[in-house]
């Protein structure tokens, strides 16, 4: 009896499911902040900007702030709204994004517990130049501008902590600006996939399984492109054997090939 080799060939061409046992995929951003950068080093530096506060200083800080709660999908602040203080994330995840006049969005960062959002204004005045939305149920400590000024004057240690937090934010947005200004969009896509592999990857031989839920819309907003372009490039990467994609996972089949894509520019 002859075998139908065409069926076998078609089956072999399909993306194979992960061969390792995996926990449920993480929901972006995961355990630490995420923004467009040339690596994952320093992504979460800003989460520790208040670590130097003494217990009594923390008590004074909380007494000056207001506890706020946000449900998944709720706006924490909106682009164009008046600015009145900063928000410290005590639980949950927040996406900060800019919306162009055309309606197109670019994700600036995903922030997690310990980070503050709502800058760059610190002491009130002006308007928010981007928006923040809760990706999960969030608990936020809001420090109004008058309270912030009072704490800076009365607690020098807090003022130093705030400077550290601002420095971390500056490094974040500098990294994003460098990526957008010096890397092609395909290099940014390749670098973002590498970063996801470093953050959420599980090794399976030479391959890396990204054990996180990520949509083409999320990728597009992060790398500064469109969902249609991302979909096209992901299909191309699959055709070239760089990736395999299933409903739950992205599997990087050839990690070194992706790394070569982002390193060749310096050659």
C-alpha atoms as a PDB file:
ATOM      1  CA  UNK A   1       0.000   0.000   0.000  1.00  0.00           C
ATOM      2  CA  UNK A   2       1.413   3.399  -0.973  1.00  0.00           C
ATOM      3  CA  UNK A   3       1.497   6.270   1.526  1.00  0.00           C
ATOM      4  CA  UNK A   4       0.054   9.700   0.798  1.00  0.00           C
ATOM      5  CA  UNK A   5       3.205  11.725   1.299  1.00  0.00           C
ATOM      6  CA  UNK A   6       1.358  14.977   0.650  1.00  0.00           C
ATOM      7  CA  UNK A   7      -0.586  14.631   3.896  1.00  0.00           C
ATOM      8  CA  UNK A   8       2.621  13.940   5.788  1.00  0.00           C
ATOM      9  CA  UNK A   9       4.281  16.960   4.230  1.00  0.00           C
ATOM     10  CA  UNK A  10       1.372  19.223   5.134  1.00  0.00           C
ATOM     11  CA  UNK A  11       1.391  17.970   8.707  1.00  0.00           C
ATOM     12  CA  UNK A  12       5.135  18.565   9.007  1.00  0.00           C
ATOM     13  CA  UNK A  13       4.673  22.119   7.765  1.00  0.00           C
ATOM     14  CA  UNK A  14       2.345  23.033  10.599  1.00  0.00           C
ATOM     15  CA  UNK A  15       3.774  24.735  13.698  1.00  0.00           C
ATOM     16  CA  UNK A  16       4.467  22.056  16.287  1.00  0.00           C
ATOM     17  CA  UNK A  17       3.201  22.608  19.827  1.00  0.00           C
ATOM     18  CA  UNK A  18       5.740  23.144  22.610  1.00  0.00           C
ATOM     19  CA  UNK A  19       7.342  19.903  23.700  1.00  0.00           C
ATOM     20  CA  UNK A  20       7.930  21.073  27.272  1.00  0.00           C
ATOM     21  CA  UNK A  21       5.468  21.437  30.121  1.00  0.00           C
ATOM     22  CA  UNK A  22       4.607  25.101  30.564  1.00  0.00           C
ATOM     23  CA  UNK A  23       2.604  26.995  33.175  1.00  0.00           C
ATOM     24  CA  UNK A  24      -0.204  29.262  32.047  1.00  0.00           C
ATOM     25  CA  UNK A  25       1.169  32.045  29.813  1.00  0.00           C
ATOM     26  CA  UNK A  26       1.954  35.295  31.580  1.00  0.00           C
ATOM     27  CA  UNK A  27      -0.096  38.395  30.829  1.00  0.00           C
ATOM     28  CA  UNK A  28       2.096  41.307  29.751  1.00  0.00           C
ATOM     29  CA  UNK A  29       3.989  42.916  31.318  1.00  0.00           C
ATOM     30  CA  UNK A  30       4.596  40.055  33.779  1.00  0.00           C
ATOM     31  CA  UNK A  31       6.650  40.560  36.919  1.00  0.00           C
ATOM     32  CA  UNK A  32       8.514  43.677  35.826  1.00  0.00           C
ATOM     33  CA  UNK A  33       8.177  46.773  33.702  1.00  0.00           C
ATOM     34  CA  UNK A  34       8.467  46.569  29.937  1.00  0.00           C
ATOM     35  CA  UNK A  35       9.406  49.187  27.373  1.00  0.00           C
ATOM     36  CA  UNK A  36      11.221  49.303  24.036  1.00  0.00           C
ATOM     37  CA  UNK A  37      14.943  48.924  24.691  1.00  0.00           C
ATOM     38  CA  UNK A  38      18.083  47.197  23.475  1.00  0.00           C
ATOM     39  CA  UNK A  39      17.914  44.630  26.267  1.00  0.00           C
ATOM     40  CA  UNK A  40      16.154  43.824  29.508  1.00  0.00           C
ATOM     41  CA  UNK A  41      18.823  45.189  31.834  1.00  0.00           C
ATOM     42  CA  UNK A  42      17.478  48.048  33.931  1.00  0.00           C
ATOM     43  CA  UNK A  43      13.836  47.609  32.950  1.00  0.00           C
ATOM     44  CA  UNK A  44      12.730  47.550  36.577  1.00  0.00           C
ATOM     45  CA  UNK A  45      15.135  50.050  38.161  1.00  0.00           C
ATOM     46  CA  UNK A  46      12.363  52.570  38.760  1.00  0.00           C
ATOM     47  CA  UNK A  47      10.378  50.106  40.876  1.00  0.00           C
ATOM     48  CA  UNK A  48      12.813  50.604  43.726  1.00  0.00           C
ATOM     49  CA  UNK A  49      13.006  54.400  43.862  1.00  0.00           C
ATOM     50  CA  UNK A  50      11.369  54.525  47.317  1.00  0.00           C
ATOM     51  CA  UNK A  51      13.301  51.627  48.838  1.00  0.00           C
ATOM     52  CA  UNK A  52      15.516  53.993  50.862  1.00  0.00           C
ATOM     53  CA  UNK A  53      12.598  55.416  52.857  1.00  0.00           C
ATOM     54  CA  UNK A  54      12.508  54.565  56.557  1.00  0.00           C
ATOM     55  CA  UNK A  55       9.277  53.129  58.043  1.00  0.00           C
ATOM     56  CA  UNK A  56       8.322  56.454  59.633  1.00  0.00           C
ATOM     57  CA  UNK A  57       8.925  58.233  56.308  1.00  0.00           C
ATOM     58  CA  UNK A  58       6.623  55.744  54.593  1.00  0.00           C
ATOM     59  CA  UNK A  59       3.975  56.532  57.208  1.00  0.00           C
ATOM     60  CA  UNK A  60       4.249  60.254  56.493  1.00  0.00           C
ATOM     61  CA  UNK A  61       4.138  59.613  52.748  1.00  0.00           C
ATOM     62  CA  UNK A  62       0.952  57.573  52.976  1.00  0.00           C
ATOM     63  CA  UNK A  63      -0.647  60.134  55.258  1.00  0.00           C
ATOM     64  CA  UNK A  64      -0.150  62.810  52.595  1.00  0.00           C
ATOM     65  CA  UNK A  65      -1.500  60.661  49.744  1.00  0.00           C
ATOM     66  CA  UNK A  66      -4.890  59.267  48.744  1.00  0.00           C
ATOM     67  CA  UNK A  67      -5.607  55.607  48.128  1.00  0.00           C
ATOM     68  CA  UNK A  68      -7.270  54.999  44.759  1.00  0.00           C
ATOM     69  CA  UNK A  69      -8.546  51.824  43.123  1.00  0.00           C
ATOM     70  CA  UNK A  70      -8.997  51.146  39.416  1.00  0.00           C
ATOM     71  CA  UNK A  71     -10.606  48.200  37.684  1.00  0.00           C
ATOM     72  CA  UNK A  72      -9.112  46.526  34.632  1.00  0.00           C
ATOM     73  CA  UNK A  73      -9.494  48.798  31.607  1.00  0.00           C
ATOM     74  CA  UNK A  74     -10.192  51.970  33.574  1.00  0.00           C
ATOM     75  CA  UNK A  75      -8.335  55.182  32.765  1.00  0.00           C
ATOM     76  CA  UNK A  76      -6.042  56.399  35.532  1.00  0.00           C
ATOM     77  CA  UNK A  77      -5.374  59.662  33.714  1.00  0.00           C
ATOM     78  CA  UNK A  78      -6.031  60.853  30.176  1.00  0.00           C
ATOM     79  CA  UNK A  79      -3.910  62.705  27.682  1.00  0.00           C
ATOM     80  CA  UNK A  80      -4.907  66.375  27.801  1.00  0.00           C
ATOM     81  CA  UNK A  81      -6.327  66.255  31.335  1.00  0.00           C
ATOM     82  CA  UNK A  82      -5.049  68.759  33.862  1.00  0.00           C
ATOM     83  CA  UNK A  83      -2.050  67.533  35.844  1.00  0.00           C
ATOM     84  CA  UNK A  84      -2.402  67.436  39.622  1.00  0.00           C
ATOM     85  CA  UNK A  85       0.211  65.043  41.030  1.00  0.00           C
ATOM     86  CA  UNK A  86       1.780  61.616  40.603  1.00  0.00           C
ATOM     87  CA  UNK A  87       0.511  58.059  41.038  1.00  0.00           C
ATOM     88  CA  UNK A  88       2.516  55.325  42.782  1.00  0.00           C
ATOM     89  CA  UNK A  89       1.516  51.795  41.779  1.00  0.00           C
ATOM     90  CA  UNK A  90       1.087  49.642  44.884  1.00  0.00           C
ATOM     91  CA  UNK A  91      -0.568  46.701  43.104  1.00  0.00           C
ATOM     92  CA  UNK A  92      -1.459  45.907  39.509  1.00  0.00           C
ATOM     93  CA  UNK A  93      -0.126  46.812  36.066  1.00  0.00           C
ATOM     94  CA  UNK A  94      -0.520  49.991  34.029  1.00  0.00           C
ATOM     95  CA  UNK A  95      -0.009  50.768  30.347  1.00  0.00           C
ATOM     96  CA  UNK A  96       1.107  54.297  29.496  1.00  0.00           C
ATOM     97  CA  UNK A  97       0.529  55.356  25.886  1.00  0.00           C
ATOM     98  CA  UNK A  98       0.413  58.347  23.529  1.00  0.00           C
ATOM     99  CA  UNK A  99      -2.431  58.856  21.063  1.00  0.00           C
ATOM    100  CA  UNK A 100      -1.682  60.754  17.850  1.00  0.00           C
ATOM    101  CA  UNK A 101      -4.241  63.088  16.228  1.00  0.00           C
ATOM    102  CA  UNK A 102      -4.852  60.290  13.718  1.00  0.00           C
ATOM    103  CA  UNK A 103      -5.948  58.015  16.572  1.00  0.00           C
ATOM    104  CA  UNK A 104      -2.908  55.764  16.286  1.00  0.00           C
ATOM    105  CA  UNK A 105      -1.384  54.750  19.624  1.00  0.00           C
ATOM    106  CA  UNK A 106       2.169  54.005  20.680  1.00  0.00           C
ATOM    107  CA  UNK A 107       2.835  52.229  23.968  1.00  0.00           C
ATOM    108  CA  UNK A 108       5.480  54.073  25.961  1.00  0.00           C
ATOM    109  CA  UNK A 109       5.781  51.479  28.700  1.00  0.00           C
ATOM    110  CA  UNK A 110       4.079  48.876  30.859  1.00  0.00           C
ATOM    111  CA  UNK A 111       4.582  49.763  34.528  1.00  0.00           C
ATOM    112  CA  UNK A 112       4.274  47.459  37.519  1.00  0.00           C
ATOM    113  CA  UNK A 113       4.278  47.609  41.318  1.00  0.00           C
ATOM    114  CA  UNK A 114       6.645  50.200  42.771  1.00  0.00           C
ATOM    115  CA  UNK A 115       6.814  52.508  39.760  1.00  0.00           C
ATOM    116  CA  UNK A 116       5.288  55.963  39.691  1.00  0.00           C
ATOM    117  CA  UNK A 117       3.325  57.297  36.720  1.00  0.00           C
ATOM    118  CA  UNK A 118       1.810  60.619  35.772  1.00  0.00           C
ATOM    119  CA  UNK A 119       4.970  62.601  34.997  1.00  0.00           C
ATOM    120  CA  UNK A 120       6.863  64.407  33.732  1.00  0.00           C
ATOM    121  CA  UNK A 121       5.131  67.184  35.676  1.00  0.00           C
ATOM    122  CA  UNK A 122       5.655  66.677  39.393  1.00  0.00           C
ATOM    123  CA  UNK A 123       4.209  69.684  41.197  1.00  0.00           C
ATOM    124  CA  UNK A 124       1.059  70.388  39.214  1.00  0.00           C
ATOM    125  CA  UNK A 125       0.238  72.668  36.307  1.00  0.00           C
ATOM    126  CA  UNK A 126       0.046  71.817  32.646  1.00  0.00           C
ATOM    127  CA  UNK A 127      -1.684  68.769  31.231  1.00  0.00           C
ATOM    128  CA  UNK A 128      -0.917  65.081  30.886  1.00  0.00           C
ATOM    129  CA  UNK A 129       0.906  64.522  27.599  1.00  0.00           C
ATOM    130  CA  UNK A 130      -0.022  60.827  27.485  1.00  0.00           C
ATOM    131  CA  UNK A 131      -2.554  58.474  29.057  1.00  0.00           C
ATOM    132  CA  UNK A 132      -2.446  55.668  31.628  1.00  0.00           C
ATOM    133  CA  UNK A 133      -4.865  52.735  31.844  1.00  0.00           C
ATOM    134  CA  UNK A 134      -5.139  49.829  34.275  1.00  0.00           C
ATOM    135  CA  UNK A 135      -4.230  46.489  32.700  1.00  0.00           C
ATOM    136  CA  UNK A 136      -5.416  44.700  35.819  1.00  0.00           C
ATOM    137  CA  UNK A 137      -7.142  45.740  39.020  1.00  0.00           C
ATOM    138  CA  UNK A 138      -4.852  48.377  40.514  1.00  0.00           C
ATOM    139  CA  UNK A 139      -4.260  49.954  43.885  1.00  0.00           C
ATOM    140  CA  UNK A 140      -2.684  53.394  43.537  1.00  0.00           C
ATOM    141  CA  UNK A 141      -1.275  55.908  46.018  1.00  0.00           C
ATOM    142  CA  UNK A 142      -1.959  59.365  44.565  1.00  0.00           C
ATOM    143  CA  UNK A 143       0.262  62.205  45.792  1.00  0.00           C
ATOM    144  CA  UNK A 144      -1.368  65.566  44.983  1.00  0.00           C
ATOM    145  CA  UNK A 145       0.981  68.356  43.911  1.00  0.00           C
ATOM    146  CA  UNK A 146       0.700  70.363  47.184  1.00  0.00           C
ATOM    147  CA  UNK A 147       1.492  67.244  49.241  1.00  0.00           C
ATOM    148  CA  UNK A 148       4.404  66.429  46.951  1.00  0.00           C
ATOM    149  CA  UNK A 149       5.901  69.897  47.448  1.00  0.00           C
ATOM    150  CA  UNK A 150       5.469  69.612  51.215  1.00  0.00           C
ATOM    151  CA  UNK A 151       7.167  66.208  51.333  1.00  0.00           C
ATOM    152  CA  UNK A 152      10.090  67.373  49.191  1.00  0.00           C
ATOM    153  CA  UNK A 153      10.712  70.305  51.548  1.00  0.00           C
ATOM    154  CA  UNK A 154      10.243  68.399  54.793  1.00  0.00           C
ATOM    155  CA  UNK A 155      11.787  65.033  53.857  1.00  0.00           C
ATOM    156  CA  UNK A 156      15.149  65.396  52.084  1.00  0.00           C
ATOM    157  CA  UNK A 157      15.396  61.609  51.826  1.00  0.00           C
ATOM    158  CA  UNK A 158      12.152  61.547  49.872  1.00  0.00           C
ATOM    159  CA  UNK A 159      13.470  64.303  47.574  1.00  0.00           C
ATOM    160  CA  UNK A 160      16.533  62.154  46.837  1.00  0.00           C
ATOM    161  CA  UNK A 161      14.307  59.148  46.164  1.00  0.00           C
ATOM    162  CA  UNK A 162      12.237  61.219  43.763  1.00  0.00           C
ATOM    163  CA  UNK A 163      15.379  62.228  41.881  1.00  0.00           C
ATOM    164  CA  UNK A 164      16.261  58.535  41.537  1.00  0.00           C
ATOM    165  CA  UNK A 165      12.794  57.823  40.196  1.00  0.00           C
ATOM    166  CA  UNK A 166      13.037  60.632  37.658  1.00  0.00           C
ATOM    167  CA  UNK A 167      16.460  59.406  36.552  1.00  0.00           C
ATOM    168  CA  UNK A 168      15.050  55.909  35.956  1.00  0.00           C
ATOM    169  CA  UNK A 169      12.184  57.389  33.917  1.00  0.00           C
ATOM    170  CA  UNK A 170      14.671  59.435  31.896  1.00  0.00           C
ATOM    171  CA  UNK A 171      16.694  56.318  31.060  1.00  0.00           C
ATOM    172  CA  UNK A 172      13.513  54.516  30.020  1.00  0.00           C
ATOM    173  CA  UNK A 173      12.369  57.159  27.562  1.00  0.00           C
ATOM    174  CA  UNK A 174      15.915  57.699  26.318  1.00  0.00           C
ATOM    175  CA  UNK A 175      16.135  53.976  25.492  1.00  0.00           C
ATOM    176  CA  UNK A 176      12.828  54.149  23.645  1.00  0.00           C
ATOM    177  CA  UNK A 177      13.860  57.271  21.710  1.00  0.00           C
ATOM    178  CA  UNK A 178      17.155  55.640  20.714  1.00  0.00           C
ATOM    179  CA  UNK A 179      15.358  52.546  19.446  1.00  0.00           C
ATOM    180  CA  UNK A 180      12.805  54.559  17.474  1.00  0.00           C
ATOM    181  CA  UNK A 181      15.446  56.893  16.062  1.00  0.00           C
ATOM    182  CA  UNK A 182      18.256  54.488  15.196  1.00  0.00           C
ATOM    183  CA  UNK A 183      16.639  51.097  14.520  1.00  0.00           C
ATOM    184  CA  UNK A 184      14.489  50.089  11.578  1.00  0.00           C
ATOM    185  CA  UNK A 185      11.034  48.800  12.421  1.00  0.00           C
ATOM    186  CA  UNK A 186      12.041  45.221  11.566  1.00  0.00           C
ATOM    187  CA  UNK A 187      15.016  45.519  13.922  1.00  0.00           C
ATOM    188  CA  UNK A 188      12.720  46.838  16.643  1.00  0.00           C
ATOM    189  CA  UNK A 189      10.395  43.877  16.130  1.00  0.00           C
ATOM    190  CA  UNK A 190      13.268  41.408  16.312  1.00  0.00           C
ATOM    191  CA  UNK A 191      14.664  43.086  19.442  1.00  0.00           C
ATOM    192  CA  UNK A 192      11.258  43.104  21.137  1.00  0.00           C
ATOM    193  CA  UNK A 193      10.853  39.370  20.487  1.00  0.00           C
ATOM    194  CA  UNK A 194      14.340  38.761  21.896  1.00  0.00           C
ATOM    195  CA  UNK A 195      13.460  40.779  24.992  1.00  0.00           C
ATOM    196  CA  UNK A 196      10.242  38.800  25.472  1.00  0.00           C
ATOM    197  CA  UNK A 197      12.268  35.611  25.164  1.00  0.00           C
ATOM    198  CA  UNK A 198      14.693  36.843  27.833  1.00  0.00           C
ATOM    199  CA  UNK A 199      11.841  37.841  30.152  1.00  0.00           C
ATOM    200  CA  UNK A 200       9.361  35.007  29.603  1.00  0.00           C
ATOM    201  CA  UNK A 201      11.342  32.410  27.689  1.00  0.00           C
ATOM    202  CA  UNK A 202      11.510  28.686  28.394  1.00  0.00           C
ATOM    203  CA  UNK A 203      14.296  26.746  26.702  1.00  0.00           C
ATOM    204  CA  UNK A 204      13.407  23.766  24.538  1.00  0.00           C
ATOM    205  CA  UNK A 205      16.636  22.603  22.975  1.00  0.00           C
ATOM    206  CA  UNK A 206      17.915  25.484  20.879  1.00  0.00           C
ATOM    207  CA  UNK A 207      14.483  27.064  20.686  1.00  0.00           C
ATOM    208  CA  UNK A 208      12.961  29.551  23.139  1.00  0.00           C
ATOM    209  CA  UNK A 209       9.237  29.458  23.917  1.00  0.00           C
ATOM    210  CA  UNK A 210       7.829  32.859  24.884  1.00  0.00           C
ATOM    211  CA  UNK A 211       5.398  31.874  27.600  1.00  0.00           C
ATOM    212  CA  UNK A 212       3.354  35.070  27.543  1.00  0.00           C
ATOM    213  CA  UNK A 213       0.168  36.196  25.877  1.00  0.00           C
ATOM    214  CA  UNK A 214       0.945  38.957  23.390  1.00  0.00           C
ATOM    215  CA  UNK A 215      -1.199  40.190  20.523  1.00  0.00           C
ATOM    216  CA  UNK A 216      -0.159  41.715  17.226  1.00  0.00           C
ATOM    217  CA  UNK A 217      -1.840  44.946  18.356  1.00  0.00           C
ATOM    218  CA  UNK A 218       0.342  45.025  21.475  1.00  0.00           C
ATOM    219  CA  UNK A 219       3.494  44.373  19.474  1.00  0.00           C
ATOM    220  CA  UNK A 220       2.590  47.043  16.910  1.00  0.00           C
ATOM    221  CA  UNK A 221       1.971  49.675  19.593  1.00  0.00           C
ATOM    222  CA  UNK A 222       5.286  48.825  21.239  1.00  0.00           C
ATOM    223  CA  UNK A 223       7.514  48.855  18.136  1.00  0.00           C
ATOM    224  CA  UNK A 224       5.808  51.823  16.471  1.00  0.00           C
ATOM    225  CA  UNK A 225       4.118  50.086  13.563  1.00  0.00           C
ATOM    226  CA  UNK A 226       0.688  48.810  12.516  1.00  0.00           C
ATOM    227  CA  UNK A 227      -1.020  45.532  13.327  1.00  0.00           C
ATOM    228  CA  UNK A 228      -1.180  44.697   9.615  1.00  0.00           C
ATOM    229  CA  UNK A 229       2.585  45.132   9.235  1.00  0.00           C
ATOM    230  CA  UNK A 230       3.305  43.060  12.343  1.00  0.00           C
ATOM    231  CA  UNK A 231       1.020  40.269  11.078  1.00  0.00           C
ATOM    232  CA  UNK A 232       2.810  40.302   7.721  1.00  0.00           C
ATOM    233  CA  UNK A 233       6.270  40.184   9.303  1.00  0.00           C
ATOM    234  CA  UNK A 234       5.327  37.424  11.763  1.00  0.00           C
ATOM    235  CA  UNK A 235       4.153  35.332   8.799  1.00  0.00           C
ATOM    236  CA  UNK A 236       7.423  36.069   7.034  1.00  0.00           C
ATOM    237  CA  UNK A 237       9.413  35.064  10.110  1.00  0.00           C
ATOM    238  CA  UNK A 238       7.452  31.808  10.239  1.00  0.00           C
ATOM    239  CA  UNK A 239       8.045  31.156   6.552  1.00  0.00           C
ATOM    240  CA  UNK A 240      11.779  31.739   7.068  1.00  0.00           C
ATOM    241  CA  UNK A 241      11.806  29.277   9.971  1.00  0.00           C
ATOM    242  CA  UNK A 242      12.605  31.862  12.630  1.00  0.00           C
ATOM    243  CA  UNK A 243       9.356  31.416  14.552  1.00  0.00           C
ATOM    244  CA  UNK A 244       6.488  29.042  15.137  1.00  0.00           C
ATOM    245  CA  UNK A 245       3.258  30.557  16.425  1.00  0.00           C
ATOM    246  CA  UNK A 246       0.406  28.817  18.220  1.00  0.00           C
ATOM    247  CA  UNK A 247      -2.688  30.352  19.848  1.00  0.00           C
ATOM    248  CA  UNK A 248      -0.900  30.342  23.223  1.00  0.00           C
ATOM    249  CA  UNK A 249       2.801  30.725  22.478  1.00  0.00           C
ATOM    250  CA  UNK A 250       5.449  32.208  20.237  1.00  0.00           C
ATOM    251  CA  UNK A 251       8.349  29.818  19.756  1.00  0.00           C
ATOM    252  CA  UNK A 252      11.639  31.324  18.601  1.00  0.00           C
ATOM    253  CA  UNK A 253      13.145  28.515  16.559  1.00  0.00           C
ATOM    254  CA  UNK A 254      16.384  30.317  15.662  1.00  0.00           C
ATOM    255  CA  UNK A 255      17.261  32.830  18.401  1.00  0.00           C
ATOM    256  CA  UNK A 256      20.682  33.538  16.894  1.00  0.00           C
ATOM    257  CA  UNK A 257      19.092  34.535  13.579  1.00  0.00           C
ATOM    258  CA  UNK A 258      16.959  37.140  15.346  1.00  0.00           C
ATOM    259  CA  UNK A 259      20.010  38.417  17.230  1.00  0.00           C
ATOM    260  CA  UNK A 260      21.907  38.742  13.968  1.00  0.00           C
ATOM    261  CA  UNK A 261      19.097  40.908  12.614  1.00  0.00           C
ATOM    262  CA  UNK A 262      19.564  43.457  15.393  1.00  0.00           C
ATOM    263  CA  UNK A 263      23.361  43.306  15.561  1.00  0.00           C
ATOM    264  CA  UNK A 264      24.201  43.531  11.855  1.00  0.00           C
ATOM    265  CA  UNK A 265      23.642  47.276  11.775  1.00  0.00           C
ATOM    266  CA  UNK A 266      26.838  47.765  13.736  1.00  0.00           C
ATOM    267  CA  UNK A 267      28.876  45.688  11.312  1.00  0.00           C
END
